[in-house]
Every structure is written in structure tokens, then in C-alpha cells.
C-alpha atoms as a PDB file:
ATOM      1  CA  MET A   1      17.361  42.933  12.050  1.00  0.00           C
ATOM      2  CA  THR A   2      15.354  45.600  10.410  1.00  0.00           C
ATOM      3  CA  LEU A   3      14.798  49.213  11.501  1.00  0.00           C
ATOM      4  CA  SER A   4      11.770  51.247  10.488  1.00  0.00           C
ATOM      5  CA  ILE A   5       9.489  54.125  11.466  1.00  0.00           C
ATOM      6  CA  GLY A   6       9.114  54.479  15.283  1.00  0.00           C
ATOM      7  CA  ASP A   7      12.302  52.620  16.135  1.00  0.00           C
ATOM      8  CA  LYS A   8      14.634  54.495  18.554  1.00  0.00           C
ATOM      9  CA  GLY A   9      18.033  54.189  19.876  1.00  0.00           C
ATOM     10  CA  PRO A  10      21.616  53.639  19.169  1.00  0.00           C
ATOM     11  CA  GLN A  11      21.017  51.342  16.348  1.00  0.00           C
ATOM     12  CA  VAL A  12      19.194  54.151  14.563  1.00  0.00           C
ATOM     13  CA  MET A  13      21.905  56.450  15.224  1.00  0.00           C
ATOM     14  CA  HIS A  14      24.200  54.017  13.697  1.00  0.00           C
ATOM     15  CA  LEU A  15      22.093  53.698  10.630  1.00  0.00           C
ATOM     16  CA  GLN A  16      21.626  57.672  10.580  1.00  0.00           C
ATOM     17  CA  SER A  17      25.420  58.081  10.700  1.00  0.00           C
ATOM     18  CA  ALA A  18      25.990  55.607   7.642  1.00  0.00           C
ATOM     19  CA  LEU A  19      23.459  57.473   5.787  1.00  0.00           C
ATOM     20  CA  LYS A  20      25.306  60.750   6.360  1.00  0.00           C
ATOM     21  CA  ALA A  21      28.543  58.927   5.369  1.00  0.00           C
ATOM     22  CA  LEU A  22      26.932  57.927   2.082  1.00  0.00           C
ATOM     23  CA  GLY A  23      26.259  61.563   1.407  1.00  0.00           C
ATOM     24  CA  ILE A  24      22.492  61.495   2.320  1.00  0.00           C
ATOM     25  CA  GLY A  25      21.641  64.556   4.442  1.00  0.00           C
ATOM     26  CA  LEU A  26      19.314  64.538   7.513  1.00  0.00           C
ATOM     27  CA  PRO A  27      18.854  68.371   7.534  1.00  0.00           C
ATOM     28  CA  LYS A  28      16.156  68.788   9.972  1.00  0.00           C
ATOM     29  CA  TYR A  29      17.112  66.372  12.978  1.00  0.00           C
ATOM     30  CA  GLY A  30      20.337  65.008  11.982  1.00  0.00           C
ATOM     31  CA  VAL A  31      21.724  62.006  13.933  1.00  0.00           C
ATOM     32  CA  ASP A  32      19.031  61.860  16.849  1.00  0.00           C
ATOM     33  CA  GLY A  33      18.482  58.290  17.284  1.00  0.00           C
ATOM     34  CA  ILE A  34      14.838  58.436  16.143  1.00  0.00           C
ATOM     35  CA  PHE A  35      13.496  56.839  13.017  1.00  0.00           C
ATOM     36  CA  GLY A  36      10.951  59.243  11.723  1.00  0.00           C
ATOM     37  CA  PRO A  37       9.834  60.488   8.436  1.00  0.00           C
ATOM     38  CA  GLU A  38      12.998  62.218   7.834  1.00  0.00           C
ATOM     39  CA  THR A  39      15.277  59.002   8.491  1.00  0.00           C
ATOM     40  CA  GLN A  40      12.544  57.025   6.299  1.00  0.00           C
ATOM     41  CA  ALA A  41      13.150  59.393   3.315  1.00  0.00           C
ATOM     42  CA  ALA A  42      16.944  59.079   3.979  1.00  0.00           C
ATOM     43  CA  VAL A  43      16.611  55.267   3.829  1.00  0.00           C
ATOM     44  CA  LYS A  44      14.566  55.561   0.592  1.00  0.00           C
ATOM     45  CA  GLN A  45      17.105  57.667  -1.058  1.00  0.00           C
ATOM     46  CA  ALA A  46      20.026  55.216   0.111  1.00  0.00           C
ATOM     47  CA  GLN A  47      17.960  52.285  -1.226  1.00  0.00           C
ATOM     48  CA  GLN A  48      17.655  54.039  -4.723  1.00  0.00           C
ATOM     49  CA  LYS A  49      21.283  55.232  -4.780  1.00  0.00           C
ATOM     50  CA  LEU A  50      22.357  51.459  -3.959  1.00  0.00           C
ATOM     51  CA  ARG A  51      19.821  50.235  -6.667  1.00  0.00           C
ATOM     52  CA  LEU A  52      17.592  48.546  -4.106  1.00  0.00           C
ATOM     53  CA  PRO A  53      13.795  48.559  -3.863  1.00  0.00           C
ATOM     54  CA  PRO A  54      12.858  51.746  -2.152  1.00  0.00           C
ATOM     55  CA  SER A  55      10.666  50.544   0.959  1.00  0.00           C
ATOM     56  CA  GLY A  56      11.887  52.923   3.509  1.00  0.00           C
ATOM     57  CA  THR A  57      12.598  50.305   5.932  1.00  0.00           C
ATOM     58  CA  ALA A  58      16.336  49.524   6.681  1.00  0.00           C
ATOM     59  CA  ASP A  59      16.563  45.783   5.978  1.00  0.00           C
ATOM     60  CA  GLU A  60      19.592  43.497   6.470  1.00  0.00           C
ATOM     61  CA  ILE A  61      20.436  43.896   2.838  1.00  0.00           C
ATOM     62  CA  LEU A  62      20.490  47.689   3.157  1.00  0.00           C
ATOM     63  CA  LEU A  63      22.507  47.632   6.501  1.00  0.00           C
ATOM     64  CA  LYS A  64      25.068  45.328   4.880  1.00  0.00           C
ATOM     65  CA  ARG A  65      25.399  47.631   1.903  1.00  0.00           C
ATOM     66  CA  LEU A  66      26.018  50.484   4.280  1.00  0.00           C
ATOM     67  CA  GLY A  67      28.664  48.331   6.161  1.00  0.00           C
ATOM     68  CA  ILE A  68      26.487  47.929   9.152  1.00  0.00           C
ATOM     69  CA  THR A  69      26.768  44.391  10.688  1.00  0.00           C
ATOM     70  CA  GLN A  70      24.461  42.575  13.112  1.00  0.00           C
ATOM     71  CA  GLN A  71      27.305  42.508  15.775  1.00  0.00           C
ATOM     72  CA  SER A  72      27.864  46.429  15.518  1.00  0.00           C
ATOM     73  CA  LEU A  73      24.105  46.980  16.166  1.00  0.00           C
ATOM     74  CA  GLN A  74      24.309  45.112  19.570  1.00  0.00           C
ATOM     75  CA  VAL A  75      23.688  47.296  22.554  1.00  0.00           C
ATOM     76  CA  PRO A  76      26.054  46.391  25.492  1.00  0.00           C
ATOM     77  CA  THR A  77      24.355  44.122  28.182  1.00  0.00           C
ATOM     78  CA  LYS A  78      24.423  44.663  31.935  1.00  0.00           C
ATOM     79  CA  GLY A  79      27.511  42.440  32.180  1.00  0.00           C
ATOM     80  CA  ALA A  80      29.496  44.843  30.298  1.00  0.00           C
ATOM     81  CA  LEU A  81      28.922  47.486  33.058  1.00  0.00           C
ATOM     82  CA  PRO A  82      30.987  47.490  36.355  1.00  0.00           C
ATOM     83  CA  LYS A  83      29.393  45.490  39.164  1.00  0.00           C
ATOM     84  CA  PRO A  84      27.966  47.528  42.056  1.00  0.00           C
ATOM     85  CA  ALA A  85      30.016  45.845  44.666  1.00  0.00           C
ATOM     86  CA  LEU A  86      33.022  46.969  42.606  1.00  0.00           C
ATOM     87  CA  LEU A  87      31.752  50.525  42.553  1.00  0.00           C
ATOM     88  CA  VAL A  88      31.185  50.465  46.285  1.00  0.00           C
ATOM     89  CA  ILE A  89      34.679  49.428  47.143  1.00  0.00           C
ATOM     90  CA  GLY A  90      36.076  52.069  44.562  1.00  0.00           C
ATOM     91  CA  THR A  91      33.959  54.755  46.483  1.00  0.00           C
ATOM     92  CA  ILE A  92      35.186  53.664  49.908  1.00  0.00           C
ATOM     93  CA  ALA A  93      38.830  53.559  48.815  1.00  0.00           C
ATOM     94  CA  ILE A  94      38.342  57.140  47.436  1.00  0.00           C
ATOM     95  CA  ILE A  95      36.806  58.370  50.625  1.00  0.00           C
ATOM     96  CA  GLY A  96      39.369  56.698  52.793  1.00  0.00           C
ATOM     97  CA  ILE A  97      42.185  58.515  50.595  1.00  0.00           C
ATOM     98  CA  GLY A  98      40.336  61.858  50.998  1.00  0.00           C
ATOM     99  CA  ILE A  99      40.086  61.256  54.975  1.00  0.00           C
ATOM    100  CA  ALA A 100      44.062  60.391  54.987  1.00  0.00           C
ATOM    101  CA  ILE A 101      44.798  63.465  53.091  1.00  0.00           C
ATOM    102  CA  LYS A 102      42.751  65.744  55.444  1.00  0.00           C
ATOM    103  CA  ARG A 103      44.420  64.266  58.625  1.00  0.00           C
ATOM    104  CA  THR A 104      47.893  64.485  56.970  1.00  0.00           C
ATOM    105  CA  LYS A 105      47.170  68.478  56.213  1.00  0.00           C
ATOM    106  CA  ARG A 106      46.107  69.004  59.662  1.00  0.00           C
ATOM    107  CA  ASP A 107      49.079  67.317  61.394  1.00  0.00           C
END
């Protein structure tokens, strides 16, 4: 995986955090999840600091040197989220408990 100008999301935030941990500042926008000119300049600084060719694109070599693995860049899939049916059952249970409490208070 490579990250470059125009990319957005949690993967870019992970990269930006790693750049900051390396001591490279992102003074204007910080860790915002947008790979813009500031992040590109920071990537070039990191590449120079790590004696890599300064392309401004975060390739696999740079990511690996920053301690970022392919697995850590994976965004959770829908399967990792609760199933809608489970949410409905949980909501119904909470409503039922609320009704039972109200009835108990009235009696």
C-alpha cells in the first residue's frame, strides 16, 4: 500500500501520527487524516531522515521503517460492527426495563 497526495482517512492519520512520533512536525493541520502538501513535506523529511529517496509518497518501505504494517492500516469491515438485529433486541430490552421501572415506581 502507498499513501500520497489526495488520500484521506484513518490510514493517513496513522501515517501522520508516526511522522510526529519520529519528531517531524505537522504545525498547520496536525493529524487530520488528509494527505495534503503539509503531510507530503513531512513524508519527504522522514524519507531524508531515514536515508530514503525523498519522493513525498509514503511507500511500503517508508511505512515499514516507521513501524506501520499492512495489517495496522486495515480499516474494520462491516462484519466487525454489531448486527442490526442485535441492536434491535438490545433496544427492545432497554425499553422493556424502562417500562418495568416506571410501573414499579407507580405501584
